[in-house]
Structure formats: C-alpha cells, structure tokens
PDB file of N, CA and C in Angstrom:
ATOM      1  N   UNK A   1     100.915 118.656  83.170  1.00  0.00           N
ATOM      2  CA  UNK A   1     101.607 117.449  83.831  1.00  0.00           C
ATOM      3  C   UNK A   1     102.211 116.559  82.816  1.00  0.00           C
ATOM      4  N   UNK A   2     101.692 116.492  81.565  1.00  0.00           N
ATOM      5  CA  UNK A   2     102.167 115.609  80.592  1.00  0.00           C
ATOM      6  C   UNK A   2     103.502 116.147  80.091  1.00  0.00           C
ATOM      7  N   UNK A   3     103.581 117.463  79.923  1.00  0.00           N
ATOM      8  CA  UNK A   3     104.856 118.049  79.467  1.00  0.00           C
ATOM      9  C   UNK A   3     105.950 117.837  80.558  1.00  0.00           C
ATOM     10  N   UNK A   4     105.577 117.939  81.816  1.00  0.00           N
ATOM     11  CA  UNK A   4     106.549 117.764  82.944  1.00  0.00           C
ATOM     12  C   UNK A   4     107.029 116.309  82.811  1.00  0.00           C
ATOM     13  N   UNK A   5     106.152 115.313  82.645  1.00  0.00           N
ATOM     14  CA  UNK A   5     106.578 113.942  82.556  1.00  0.00           C
ATOM     15  C   UNK A   5     107.498 113.673  81.409  1.00  0.00           C
ATOM     16  N   UNK A   6     107.199 114.191  80.260  1.00  0.00           N
ATOM     17  CA  UNK A   6     107.990 114.069  79.091  1.00  0.00           C
ATOM     18  C   UNK A   6     109.400 114.625  79.258  1.00  0.00           C
ATOM     19  N   UNK A   7     109.475 115.798  79.858  1.00  0.00           N
ATOM     20  CA  UNK A   7     110.642 116.470  80.104  1.00  0.00           C
ATOM     21  C   UNK A   7     111.512 115.723  81.115  1.00  0.00           C
ATOM     22  N   UNK A   8     110.883 115.234  82.133  1.00  0.00           N
ATOM     23  CA  UNK A   8     111.595 114.395  83.137  1.00  0.00           C
ATOM     24  C   UNK A   8     112.147 113.143  82.527  1.00  0.00           C
ATOM     25  N   UNK A   9     111.441 112.494  81.722  1.00  0.00           N
ATOM     26  CA  UNK A   9     111.873 111.287  81.091  1.00  0.00           C
ATOM     27  C   UNK A   9     112.969 111.470  80.174  1.00  0.00           C
ATOM     28  N   UNK A  10     112.956 112.573  79.438  1.00  0.00           N
ATOM     29  CA  UNK A  10     114.093 112.842  78.563  1.00  0.00           C
ATOM     30  C   UNK A  10     115.303 113.250  79.293  1.00  0.00           C
ATOM     31  N   UNK A  11     115.109 114.044  80.271  1.00  0.00           N
ATOM     32  CA  UNK A  11     116.270 114.564  81.034  1.00  0.00           C
ATOM     33  C   UNK A  11     116.974 113.430  81.886  1.00  0.00           C
ATOM     34  N   UNK A  12     116.135 112.454  82.278  1.00  0.00           N
ATOM     35  CA  UNK A  12     116.820 111.491  83.186  1.00  0.00           C
ATOM     36  C   UNK A  12     116.991 110.097  82.600  1.00  0.00           C
ATOM     37  N   UNK A  13     116.603 109.907  81.431  1.00  0.00           N
ATOM     38  CA  UNK A  13     116.727 108.564  80.791  1.00  0.00           C
ATOM     39  C   UNK A  13     118.157 108.087  80.730  1.00  0.00           C
ATOM     40  N   UNK A  14     119.072 109.002  80.548  1.00  0.00           N
ATOM     41  CA  UNK A  14     120.506 108.640  80.444  1.00  0.00           C
ATOM     42  C   UNK A  14     121.341 108.658  81.754  1.00  0.00           C
ATOM     43  N   UNK A  15     120.726 109.251  82.806  1.00  0.00           N
ATOM     44  CA  UNK A  15     121.380 109.341  84.079  1.00  0.00           C
ATOM     45  C   UNK A  15     121.353 107.989  84.787  1.00  0.00           C
ATOM     46  N   UNK A  16     122.454 107.722  85.487  1.00  0.00           N
ATOM     47  CA  UNK A  16     122.541 106.511  86.294  1.00  0.00           C
ATOM     48  C   UNK A  16     121.764 106.663  87.661  1.00  0.00           C
ATOM     49  N   UNK A  17     121.813 107.775  88.191  1.00  0.00           N
ATOM     50  CA  UNK A  17     121.008 107.973  89.411  1.00  0.00           C
ATOM     51  C   UNK A  17     120.552 109.494  89.551  1.00  0.00           C
ATOM     52  N   UNK A  18     119.524 109.643  90.355  1.00  0.00           N
ATOM     53  CA  UNK A  18     119.069 110.942  90.600  1.00  0.00           C
ATOM     54  C   UNK A  18     118.635 111.119  92.034  1.00  0.00           C
ATOM     55  N   UNK A  19     118.541 112.331  92.564  1.00  0.00           N
ATOM     56  CA  UNK A  19     118.045 112.490  93.926  1.00  0.00           C
ATOM     57  C   UNK A  19     116.716 111.885  94.124  1.00  0.00           C
ATOM     58  N   UNK A  20     116.366 111.313  95.299  1.00  0.00           N
ATOM     59  CA  UNK A  20     115.174 110.728  95.664  1.00  0.00           C
ATOM     60  C   UNK A  20     114.062 111.898  95.469  1.00  0.00           C
ATOM     61  N   UNK A  21     114.434 113.030  95.837  1.00  0.00           N
ATOM     62  CA  UNK A  21     113.477 114.198  95.809  1.00  0.00           C
ATOM     63  C   UNK A  21     112.934 114.331  94.399  1.00  0.00           C
ATOM     64  N   UNK A  22     113.888 114.233  93.364  1.00  0.00           N
ATOM     65  CA  UNK A  22     113.376 114.358  92.014  1.00  0.00           C
ATOM     66  C   UNK A  22     112.485 113.206  91.543  1.00  0.00           C
ATOM     67  N   UNK A  23     112.809 112.021  92.027  1.00  0.00           N
ATOM     68  CA  UNK A  23     111.912 110.814  91.766  1.00  0.00           C
ATOM     69  C   UNK A  23     110.534 111.050  92.302  1.00  0.00           C
ATOM     70  N   UNK A  24     110.522 111.590  93.520  1.00  0.00           N
ATOM     71  CA  UNK A  24     109.161 111.848  94.188  1.00  0.00           C
ATOM     72  C   UNK A  24     108.425 112.878  93.338  1.00  0.00           C
ATOM     73  N   UNK A  25     109.033 113.900  92.839  1.00  0.00           N
ATOM     74  CA  UNK A  25     108.395 114.875  92.076  1.00  0.00           C
ATOM     75  C   UNK A  25     107.842 114.272  90.763  1.00  0.00           C
ATOM     76  N   UNK A  26     108.618 113.358  90.106  1.00  0.00           N
ATOM     77  CA  UNK A  26     108.210 112.669  88.906  1.00  0.00           C
ATOM     78  C   UNK A  26     106.967 111.854  89.184  1.00  0.00           C
ATOM     79  N   UNK A  27     107.113 111.048  90.269  1.00  0.00           N
ATOM     80  CA  UNK A  27     105.969 110.168  90.662  1.00  0.00           C
ATOM     81  C   UNK A  27     104.640 110.938  90.935  1.00  0.00           C
ATOM     82  N   UNK A  28     104.814 112.054  91.609  1.00  0.00           N
ATOM     83  CA  UNK A  28     103.631 112.892  91.910  1.00  0.00           C
ATOM     84  C   UNK A  28     103.046 113.385  90.594  1.00  0.00           C
ATOM     85  N   UNK A  29     103.875 113.862  89.624  1.00  0.00           N
ATOM     86  CA  UNK A  29     103.333 114.233  88.393  1.00  0.00           C
ATOM     87  C   UNK A  29     102.601 113.039  87.655  1.00  0.00           C
ATOM     88  N   UNK A  30     103.244 111.923  87.664  1.00  0.00           N
ATOM     89  CA  UNK A  30     102.696 110.785  87.005  1.00  0.00           C
ATOM     90  C   UNK A  30     101.295 110.406  87.614  1.00  0.00           C
ATOM     91  N   UNK A  31     101.240 110.426  88.950  1.00  0.00           N
ATOM     92  CA  UNK A  31      99.996 109.998  89.579  1.00  0.00           C
ATOM     93  C   UNK A  31      98.955 111.122  89.386  1.00  0.00           C
ATOM     94  N   UNK A  32      99.301 112.350  89.345  1.00  0.00           N
ATOM     95  CA  UNK A  32      98.287 113.411  89.097  1.00  0.00           C
ATOM     96  C   UNK A  32      97.720 113.294  87.711  1.00  0.00           C
ATOM     97  N   UNK A  33      98.552 112.977  86.750  1.00  0.00           N
ATOM     98  CA  UNK A  33      98.135 112.722  85.374  1.00  0.00           C
ATOM     99  C   UNK A  33      97.203 111.537  85.298  1.00  0.00           C
ATOM    100  N   UNK A  34      97.511 110.426  85.966  1.00  0.00           N
ATOM    101  CA  UNK A  34      96.630 109.287  85.974  1.00  0.00           C
ATOM    102  C   UNK A  34      95.278 109.562  86.741  1.00  0.00           C
ATOM    103  N   UNK A  35      95.391 110.362  87.744  1.00  0.00           N
ATOM    104  CA  UNK A  35      94.161 110.753  88.375  1.00  0.00           C
ATOM    105  C   UNK A  35      93.174 111.534  87.461  1.00  0.00           C
ATOM    106  N   UNK A  36      93.758 112.432  86.748  1.00  0.00           N
ATOM    107  CA  UNK A  36      92.980 113.212  85.717  1.00  0.00           C
ATOM    108  C   UNK A  36      92.355 112.252  84.774  1.00  0.00           C
ATOM    109  N   UNK A  37      93.183 111.398  84.184  1.00  0.00           N
ATOM    110  CA  UNK A  37      92.700 110.416  83.185  1.00  0.00           C
ATOM    111  C   UNK A  37      91.652 109.503  83.726  1.00  0.00           C
ATOM    112  N   UNK A  38      91.702 109.162  85.011  1.00  0.00           N
ATOM    113  CA  UNK A  38      90.691 108.238  85.586  1.00  0.00           C
ATOM    114  C   UNK A  38      89.621 108.894  86.445  1.00  0.00           C
ATOM    115  N   UNK A  39      89.417 110.304  86.196  1.00  0.00           N
ATOM    116  CA  UNK A  39      88.363 111.055  86.838  1.00  0.00           C
ATOM    117  C   UNK A  39      88.491 110.955  88.416  1.00  0.00           C
ATOM    118  N   UNK A  40      89.684 111.072  88.886  1.00  0.00           N
ATOM    119  CA  UNK A  40      90.000 111.102  90.420  1.00  0.00           C
ATOM    120  C   UNK A  40      89.450 109.859  91.023  1.00  0.00           C
ATOM    121  N   UNK A  41      89.710 108.682  90.391  1.00  0.00           N
ATOM    122  CA  UNK A  41      89.228 107.450  90.924  1.00  0.00           C
ATOM    123  C   UNK A  41      90.133 106.901  92.041  1.00  0.00           C
ATOM    124  N   UNK A  42      91.236 107.512  92.350  1.00  0.00           N
ATOM    125  CA  UNK A  42      92.182 107.118  93.418  1.00  0.00           C
ATOM    126  C   UNK A  42      92.813 108.274  94.187  1.00  0.00           C
ATOM    127  N   UNK A  43      93.208 108.092  95.348  1.00  0.00           N
ATOM    128  CA  UNK A  43      94.068 109.072  95.985  1.00  0.00           C
ATOM    129  C   UNK A  43      95.390 108.413  96.344  1.00  0.00           C
ATOM    130  N   UNK A  44      96.420 109.144  96.652  1.00  0.00           N
ATOM    131  CA  UNK A  44      97.660 108.557  96.994  1.00  0.00           C
ATOM    132  C   UNK A  44      98.386 109.374  98.078  1.00  0.00           C
ATOM    133  N   UNK A  45      99.381 108.769  98.672  1.00  0.00           N
ATOM    134  CA  UNK A  45     100.206 109.483  99.666  1.00  0.00           C
ATOM    135  C   UNK A  45     101.545 108.734  99.726  1.00  0.00           C
ATOM    136  N   UNK A  46     102.523 109.553 100.132  1.00  0.00           N
ATOM    137  CA  UNK A  46     103.867 109.034 100.350  1.00  0.00           C
ATOM    138  C   UNK A  46     104.062 108.923 101.876  1.00  0.00           C
ATOM    139  N   UNK A  47     104.596 107.890 102.265  1.00  0.00           N
ATOM    140  CA  UNK A  47     105.099 107.556 103.654  1.00  0.00           C
ATOM    141  C   UNK A  47     106.514 107.449 103.658  1.00  0.00           C
ATOM    142  N   UNK A  48     107.233 108.626 103.980  1.00  0.00           N
ATOM    143  CA  UNK A  48     108.666 108.684 103.974  1.00  0.00           C
ATOM    144  C   UNK A  48     109.225 108.584 105.397  1.00  0.00           C
ATOM    145  N   UNK A  49     110.136 107.664 105.614  1.00  0.00           N
ATOM    146  CA  UNK A  49     110.786 107.468 106.815  1.00  0.00           C
ATOM    147  C   UNK A  49     112.326 107.411 106.520  1.00  0.00           C
ATOM    148  N   UNK A  50     112.937 108.568 106.370  1.00  0.00           N
ATOM    149  CA  UNK A  50     114.368 108.631 105.994  1.00  0.00           C
ATOM    150  C   UNK A  50     115.018 109.608 106.997  1.00  0.00           C
ATOM    151  N   UNK A  51     116.232 109.301 107.255  1.00  0.00           N
ATOM    152  CA  UNK A  51     116.993 110.098 108.231  1.00  0.00           C
ATOM    153  C   UNK A  51     117.545 111.385 107.706  1.00  0.00           C
ATOM    154  N   UNK A  52     117.902 111.380 106.450  1.00  0.00           N
ATOM    155  CA  UNK A  52     118.384 112.562 105.742  1.00  0.00           C
ATOM    156  C   UNK A  52     117.347 113.241 104.886  1.00  0.00           C
ATOM    157  N   UNK A  53     117.619 114.385 104.432  1.00  0.00           N
ATOM    158  CA  UNK A  53     116.705 115.053 103.418  1.00  0.00           C
ATOM    159  C   UNK A  53     116.714 114.143 102.118  1.00  0.00           C
ATOM    160  N   UNK A  54     115.494 114.255 101.391  1.00  0.00           N
ATOM    161  CA  UNK A  54     115.319 113.378 100.271  1.00  0.00           C
ATOM    162  C   UNK A  54     116.327 113.641  99.156  1.00  0.00           C
ATOM    163  N   UNK A  55     116.909 114.825  99.092  1.00  0.00           N
ATOM    164  CA  UNK A  55     117.892 115.122  97.999  1.00  0.00           C
ATOM    165  C   UNK A  55     119.283 114.498  98.304  1.00  0.00           C
ATOM    166  N   UNK A  56     119.438 113.962  99.581  1.00  0.00           N
ATOM    167  CA  UNK A  56     120.677 113.298 100.001  1.00  0.00           C
ATOM    168  C   UNK A  56     120.802 111.912  99.426  1.00  0.00           C
ATOM    169  N   UNK A  57     119.653 111.290  98.981  1.00  0.00           N
ATOM    170  CA  UNK A  57     119.730 109.956  98.534  1.00  0.00           C
ATOM    171  C   UNK A  57     119.679 109.955  97.008  1.00  0.00           C
ATOM    172  N   UNK A  58     120.462 108.982  96.417  1.00  0.00           N
ATOM    173  CA  UNK A  58     120.452 108.896  95.012  1.00  0.00           C
ATOM    174  C   UNK A  58     120.011 107.471  94.671  1.00  0.00           C
ATOM    175  N   UNK A  59     118.996 107.411  93.736  1.00  0.00           N
ATOM    176  CA  UNK A  59     118.453 106.166  93.226  1.00  0.00           C
ATOM    177  C   UNK A  59     118.455 106.121  91.780  1.00  0.00           C
ATOM    178  N   UNK A  60     118.323 104.914  91.120  1.00  0.00           N
ATOM    179  CA  UNK A  60     118.079 104.866  89.727  1.00  0.00           C
ATOM    180  C   UNK A  60     116.831 105.598  89.279  1.00  0.00           C
ATOM    181  N   UNK A  61     116.829 106.355  88.199  1.00  0.00           N
ATOM    182  CA  UNK A  61     115.620 107.053  87.776  1.00  0.00           C
ATOM    183  C   UNK A  61     114.524 106.131  87.275  1.00  0.00           C
ATOM    184  N   UNK A  62     113.245 106.453  87.532  1.00  0.00           N
ATOM    185  CA  UNK A  62     112.153 105.761  87.019  1.00  0.00           C
ATOM    186  C   UNK A  62     112.039 104.348  87.485  1.00  0.00           C
ATOM    187  N   UNK A  63     112.568 104.056  88.681  1.00  0.00           N
ATOM    188  CA  UNK A  63     112.549 102.735  89.251  1.00  0.00           C
ATOM    189  C   UNK A  63     111.221 102.381  89.830  1.00  0.00           C
ATOM    190  N   UNK A  64     110.580 103.238  90.494  1.00  0.00           N
ATOM    191  CA  UNK A  64     109.387 103.062  91.253  1.00  0.00           C
ATOM    192  C   UNK A  64     108.128 103.223  90.391  1.00  0.00           C
ATOM    193  N   UNK A  65     108.143 103.920  89.373  1.00  0.00           N
ATOM    194  CA  UNK A  65     107.056 104.224  88.479  1.00  0.00           C
ATOM    195  C   UNK A  65     106.368 102.971  87.979  1.00  0.00           C
ATOM    196  N   UNK A  66     107.086 101.941  87.452  1.00  0.00           N
ATOM    197  CA  UNK A  66     106.364 100.704  86.957  1.00  0.00           C
ATOM    198  C   UNK A  66     105.580  99.979  88.083  1.00  0.00           C
ATOM    199  N   UNK A  67     106.008 100.080  89.291  1.00  0.00           N
ATOM    200  CA  UNK A  67     105.218  99.426  90.412  1.00  0.00           C
ATOM    201  C   UNK A  67     103.919 100.213  90.630  1.00  0.00           C
ATOM    202  N   UNK A  68     104.044 101.483  90.545  1.00  0.00           N
ATOM    203  CA  UNK A  68     102.817 102.286  90.674  1.00  0.00           C
ATOM    204  C   UNK A  68     101.887 102.122  89.525  1.00  0.00           C
ATOM    205  N   UNK A  69     102.448 102.111  88.304  1.00  0.00           N
ATOM    206  CA  UNK A  69     101.588 101.853  87.096  1.00  0.00           C
ATOM    207  C   UNK A  69     100.808 100.507  87.276  1.00  0.00           C
ATOM    208  N   UNK A  70     101.535  99.503  87.663  1.00  0.00           N
ATOM    209  CA  UNK A  70     100.886  98.166  87.870  1.00  0.00           C
ATOM    210  C   UNK A  70      99.795  98.250  88.847  1.00  0.00           C
ATOM    211  N   UNK A  71     100.035  98.880  90.037  1.00  0.00           N
ATOM    212  CA  UNK A  71      99.075  99.031  90.999  1.00  0.00           C
ATOM    213  C   UNK A  71      97.828  99.693  90.507  1.00  0.00           C
ATOM    214  N   UNK A  72      98.033 100.760  89.710  1.00  0.00           N
ATOM    215  CA  UNK A  72      96.863 101.577  89.216  1.00  0.00           C
ATOM    216  C   UNK A  72      96.155 100.697  88.141  1.00  0.00           C
ATOM    217  N   UNK A  73      96.866 100.139  87.224  1.00  0.00           N
ATOM    218  CA  UNK A  73      96.246  99.403  86.078  1.00  0.00           C
ATOM    219  C   UNK A  73      95.553  98.104  86.526  1.00  0.00           C
ATOM    220  N   UNK A  74      96.268  97.343  87.363  1.00  0.00           N
ATOM    221  CA  UNK A  74      95.740  96.037  87.653  1.00  0.00           C
ATOM    222  C   UNK A  74      95.038  95.917  89.062  1.00  0.00           C
ATOM    223  N   UNK A  75      95.253  96.907  89.885  1.00  0.00           N
ATOM    224  CA  UNK A  75      94.676  96.838  91.150  1.00  0.00           C
ATOM    225  C   UNK A  75      93.488  97.841  91.373  1.00  0.00           C
ATOM    226  N   UNK A  76      93.693  99.019  90.930  1.00  0.00           N
ATOM    227  CA  UNK A  76      92.705 100.087  91.239  1.00  0.00           C
ATOM    228  C   UNK A  76      91.661 100.234  89.991  1.00  0.00           C
ATOM    229  N   UNK A  77      92.156 100.114  88.773  1.00  0.00           N
ATOM    230  CA  UNK A  77      91.212 100.279  87.645  1.00  0.00           C
ATOM    231  C   UNK A  77      89.984  99.413  87.740  1.00  0.00           C
ATOM    232  N   UNK A  78      90.112  98.106  88.189  1.00  0.00           N
ATOM    233  CA  UNK A  78      88.969  97.179  88.169  1.00  0.00           C
ATOM    234  C   UNK A  78      88.037  97.487  89.329  1.00  0.00           C
ATOM    235  N   UNK A  79      88.397  98.267  90.297  1.00  0.00           N
ATOM    236  CA  UNK A  79      87.577  98.616  91.434  1.00  0.00           C
ATOM    237  C   UNK A  79      86.315  99.370  91.046  1.00  0.00           C
ATOM    238  N   UNK A  80      85.244  99.103  91.755  1.00  0.00           N
ATOM    239  CA  UNK A  80      84.040  99.909  91.556  1.00  0.00           C
ATOM    240  C   UNK A  80      84.063 101.209  92.353  1.00  0.00           C
ATOM    241  N   UNK A  81      84.730 101.085  93.502  1.00  0.00           N
ATOM    242  CA  UNK A  81      84.892 102.321  94.412  1.00  0.00           C
ATOM    243  C   UNK A  81      86.287 102.890  94.161  1.00  0.00           C
ATOM    244  N   UNK A  82      86.497 104.018  94.851  1.00  0.00           N
ATOM    245  CA  UNK A  82      87.844 104.702  94.674  1.00  0.00           C
ATOM    246  C   UNK A  82      88.876 103.865  95.398  1.00  0.00           C
ATOM    247  N   UNK A  83      90.057 104.074  94.802  1.00  0.00           N
ATOM    248  CA  UNK A  83      91.316 103.305  95.224  1.00  0.00           C
ATOM    249  C   UNK A  83      92.223 104.196  96.071  1.00  0.00           C
ATOM    250  N   UNK A  84      93.113 103.514  96.769  1.00  0.00           N
ATOM    251  CA  UNK A  84      94.138 104.323  97.544  1.00  0.00           C
ATOM    252  C   UNK A  84      95.450 103.658  97.268  1.00  0.00           C
ATOM    253  N   UNK A  85      96.503 104.556  97.029  1.00  0.00           N
ATOM    254  CA  UNK A  85      97.914 104.172  96.795  1.00  0.00           C
ATOM    255  C   UNK A  85      98.674 104.656  97.911  1.00  0.00           C
ATOM    256  N   UNK A  86      99.573 103.815  98.498  1.00  0.00           N
ATOM    257  CA  UNK A  86     100.417 104.296  99.529  1.00  0.00           C
ATOM    258  C   UNK A  86     101.952 103.911  98.989  1.00  0.00           C
ATOM    259  N   UNK A  87     102.754 104.955  98.926  1.00  0.00           N
ATOM    260  CA  UNK A  87     104.134 104.676  98.474  1.00  0.00           C
ATOM    261  C   UNK A  87     105.023 104.898  99.699  1.00  0.00           C
ATOM    262  N   UNK A  88     105.471 103.745 100.215  1.00  0.00           N
ATOM    263  CA  UNK A  88     106.328 103.853 101.381  1.00  0.00           C
ATOM    264  C   UNK A  88     107.808 103.807 100.961  1.00  0.00           C
ATOM    265  N   UNK A  89     108.542 104.763 101.542  1.00  0.00           N
ATOM    266  CA  UNK A  89     110.078 104.670 101.295  1.00  0.00           C
ATOM    267  C   UNK A  89     110.651 104.889 102.635  1.00  0.00           C
ATOM    268  N   UNK A  90     111.257 103.776 103.085  1.00  0.00           N
ATOM    269  CA  UNK A  90     111.789 103.751 104.498  1.00  0.00           C
ATOM    270  C   UNK A  90     113.227 103.443 104.416  1.00  0.00           C
ATOM    271  N   UNK A  91     113.978 104.085 105.210  1.00  0.00           N
ATOM    272  CA  UNK A  91     115.426 103.726 105.395  1.00  0.00           C
ATOM    273  C   UNK A  91     115.575 102.642 106.347  1.00  0.00           C
ATOM    274  N   UNK A  92     116.173 101.505 105.924  1.00  0.00           N
ATOM    275  CA  UNK A  92     116.333 100.371 106.841  1.00  0.00           C
ATOM    276  C   UNK A  92     117.686 100.474 107.599  1.00  0.00           C
ATOM    277  N   UNK A  93     118.662 100.975 106.968  1.00  0.00           N
ATOM    278  CA  UNK A  93     119.968 101.163 107.603  1.00  0.00           C
ATOM    279  C   UNK A  93     120.661 102.349 106.734  1.00  0.00           C
ATOM    280  N   UNK A  94     121.843 102.579 107.046  1.00  0.00           N
ATOM    281  CA  UNK A  94     122.512 103.761 106.310  1.00  0.00           C
ATOM    282  C   UNK A  94     122.611 103.522 104.819  1.00  0.00           C
ATOM    283  N   UNK A  95     122.465 102.407 104.352  1.00  0.00           N
ATOM    284  CA  UNK A  95     122.730 102.122 102.883  1.00  0.00           C
ATOM    285  C   UNK A  95     121.549 101.512 102.171  1.00  0.00           C
ATOM    286  N   UNK A  96     120.411 101.242 102.928  1.00  0.00           N
ATOM    287  CA  UNK A  96     119.353 100.579 102.268  1.00  0.00           C
ATOM    288  C   UNK A  96     118.088 101.315 102.396  1.00  0.00           C
ATOM    289  N   UNK A  97     117.388 101.518 101.232  1.00  0.00           N
ATOM    290  CA  UNK A  97     115.997 102.115 101.182  1.00  0.00           C
ATOM    291  C   UNK A  97     115.116 100.951 100.809  1.00  0.00           C
ATOM    292  N   UNK A  98     113.938 100.847 101.535  1.00  0.00           N
ATOM    293  CA  UNK A  98     112.899  99.893 101.202  1.00  0.00           C
ATOM    294  C   UNK A  98     111.780 100.560 100.606  1.00  0.00           C
ATOM    295  N   UNK A  99     111.391 100.154  99.379  1.00  0.00           N
ATOM    296  CA  UNK A  99     110.276 100.860  98.723  1.00  0.00           C
ATOM    297  C   UNK A  99     109.080  99.854  98.642  1.00  0.00           C
ATOM    298  N   UNK A 100     107.936 100.295  99.118  1.00  0.00           N
ATOM    299  CA  UNK A 100     106.782  99.403  99.135  1.00  0.00           C
ATOM    300  C   UNK A 100     105.609 100.175  98.507  1.00  0.00           C
ATOM    301  N   UNK A 101     104.958  99.610  97.483  1.00  0.00           N
ATOM    302  CA  UNK A 101     103.828 100.247  96.874  1.00  0.00           C
ATOM    303  C   UNK A 101     102.621  99.402  97.225  1.00  0.00           C
ATOM    304  N   UNK A 102     101.633 100.046  98.037  1.00  0.00           N
ATOM    305  CA  UNK A 102     100.433  99.319  98.444  1.00  0.00           C
ATOM    306  C   UNK A 102      99.235  99.936  97.794  1.00  0.00           C
ATOM    307  N   UNK A 103      98.292  99.105  97.499  1.00  0.00           N
ATOM    308  CA  UNK A 103      97.013  99.650  97.088  1.00  0.00           C
ATOM    309  C   UNK A 103      95.894  98.814  97.699  1.00  0.00           C
ATOM    310  N   UNK A 104      94.689  99.371  97.600  1.00  0.00           N
ATOM    311  CA  UNK A 104      93.488  98.601  98.194  1.00  0.00           C
ATOM    312  C   UNK A 104      92.736  97.957  97.052  1.00  0.00           C
ATOM    313  N   UNK A 105      93.304  97.698  95.882  1.00  0.00           N
ATOM    314  CA  UNK A 105      92.620  97.112  94.759  1.00  0.00           C
ATOM    315  C   UNK A 105      92.722  95.581  94.795  1.00  0.00           C
ATOM    316  N   UNK A 106      92.300  95.039  93.730  1.00  0.00           N
ATOM    317  CA  UNK A 106      92.422  93.551  93.579  1.00  0.00           C
ATOM    318  C   UNK A 106      93.851  93.167  93.185  1.00  0.00           C
ATOM    319  N   UNK A 107      94.128  91.894  93.242  1.00  0.00           N
ATOM    320  CA  UNK A 107      95.388  91.499  92.787  1.00  0.00           C
ATOM    321  C   UNK A 107      96.304  90.902  93.762  1.00  0.00           C
ATOM    322  N   UNK A 108      97.571  90.897  93.430  1.00  0.00           N
ATOM    323  CA  UNK A 108      98.654  90.343  94.202  1.00  0.00           C
ATOM    324  C   UNK A 108      99.018  91.200  95.435  1.00  0.00           C
ATOM    325  N   UNK A 109      99.725  90.693  96.415  1.00  0.00           N
ATOM    326  CA  UNK A 109     100.149  91.501  97.536  1.00  0.00           C
ATOM    327  C   UNK A 109     101.135  92.498  97.098  1.00  0.00           C
ATOM    328  N   UNK A 110     101.349  93.576  97.967  1.00  0.00           N
ATOM    329  CA  UNK A 110     102.275  94.680  97.655  1.00  0.00           C
ATOM    330  C   UNK A 110     103.638  94.125  97.223  1.00  0.00           C
ATOM    331  N   UNK A 111     104.167  94.843  96.227  1.00  0.00           N
ATOM    332  CA  UNK A 111     105.531  94.578  95.692  1.00  0.00           C
ATOM    333  C   UNK A 111     106.580  95.254  96.592  1.00  0.00           C
ATOM    334  N   UNK A 112     107.631  94.630  96.794  1.00  0.00           N
ATOM    335  CA  UNK A 112     108.735  95.329  97.560  1.00  0.00           C
ATOM    336  C   UNK A 112     110.025  95.111  96.852  1.00  0.00           C
ATOM    337  N   UNK A 113     110.780  96.215  96.913  1.00  0.00           N
ATOM    338  CA  UNK A 113     112.207  96.190  96.361  1.00  0.00           C
ATOM    339  C   UNK A 113     113.107  96.575  97.526  1.00  0.00           C
ATOM    340  N   UNK A 114     114.211  95.788  97.722  1.00  0.00           N
ATOM    341  CA  UNK A 114     115.275  96.159  98.668  1.00  0.00           C
ATOM    342  C   UNK A 114     116.494  96.211  97.896  1.00  0.00           C
ATOM    343  N   UNK A 115     117.140  97.257  98.003  1.00  0.00           N
ATOM    344  CA  UNK A 115     118.349  97.554  97.246  1.00  0.00           C
ATOM    345  C   UNK A 115     119.265  98.482  97.910  1.00  0.00           C
ATOM    346  N   UNK A 116     120.561  98.265  97.889  1.00  0.00           N
ATOM    347  CA  UNK A 116     121.439  99.243  98.384  1.00  0.00           C
ATOM    348  C   UNK A 116     121.870 100.285  97.349  1.00  0.00           C
ATOM    349  N   UNK A 117     121.487 101.532  97.486  1.00  0.00           N
ATOM    350  CA  UNK A 117     121.792 102.572  96.516  1.00  0.00           C
ATOM    351  C   UNK A 117     122.832 103.516  97.056  1.00  0.00           C
TER     352      UNK A 117
END
C-alpha cells in the first residue's frame, strides 16, 4: 500500500487533473494504509451518485485526501470506539461535483467542497 501511495503521488503531482476513478483508487489505498496503522480502528465507504462512469470525470489530483486525513486524525483518532468515514461524491449538475467527507468522530461538522471541474 505504501509503495502504491508513493507511486501515485509521484506520478500525479505534476498533473493538473486526473480521472475521478484514479483519485478513488488513491483514496482507497490511503485509507487502507491508515487502517493498518491504526489497527482497523475505522471503516469507510464511498457514496457515489454520478451520472457517468468515474473515469469520465476529471478532478485535481489529491484534492480529497487532506479532508480524509483531517477526519481520521482529528475526528476518529480520539474516539474510544471504532470510527466510520463516508466519502460522498455526488453530481449536482452536469458541471459540478459535490464532495463531502463525514465521520462519526469528535470535532467540526463535515467539510464540503463545491467546484466546477
């Protein structure tokens, strides 16, 4: 998982945009690595509501990962019980994706980004 994350970061750090499908693969690898590091203290799922296939959408690389990292570090890590992360990616119209990262941890309400990509 670590090698996959490093390879992804190196490959995509100079690209302006990547397919949503690749971003989801990266996020999955990131969360699986974090789960290993935290002894399976949380579970996660993606809630995708998009009209086209994920590879048809292009987004800036590594845009969603910092939101997930914050949810894990500041929301889930302090929990005594297991945490849950939900990554929602919903198409609002033909040009807008709404990304919401929700967790059941402590802290601030879910962060949302609305951007035309």
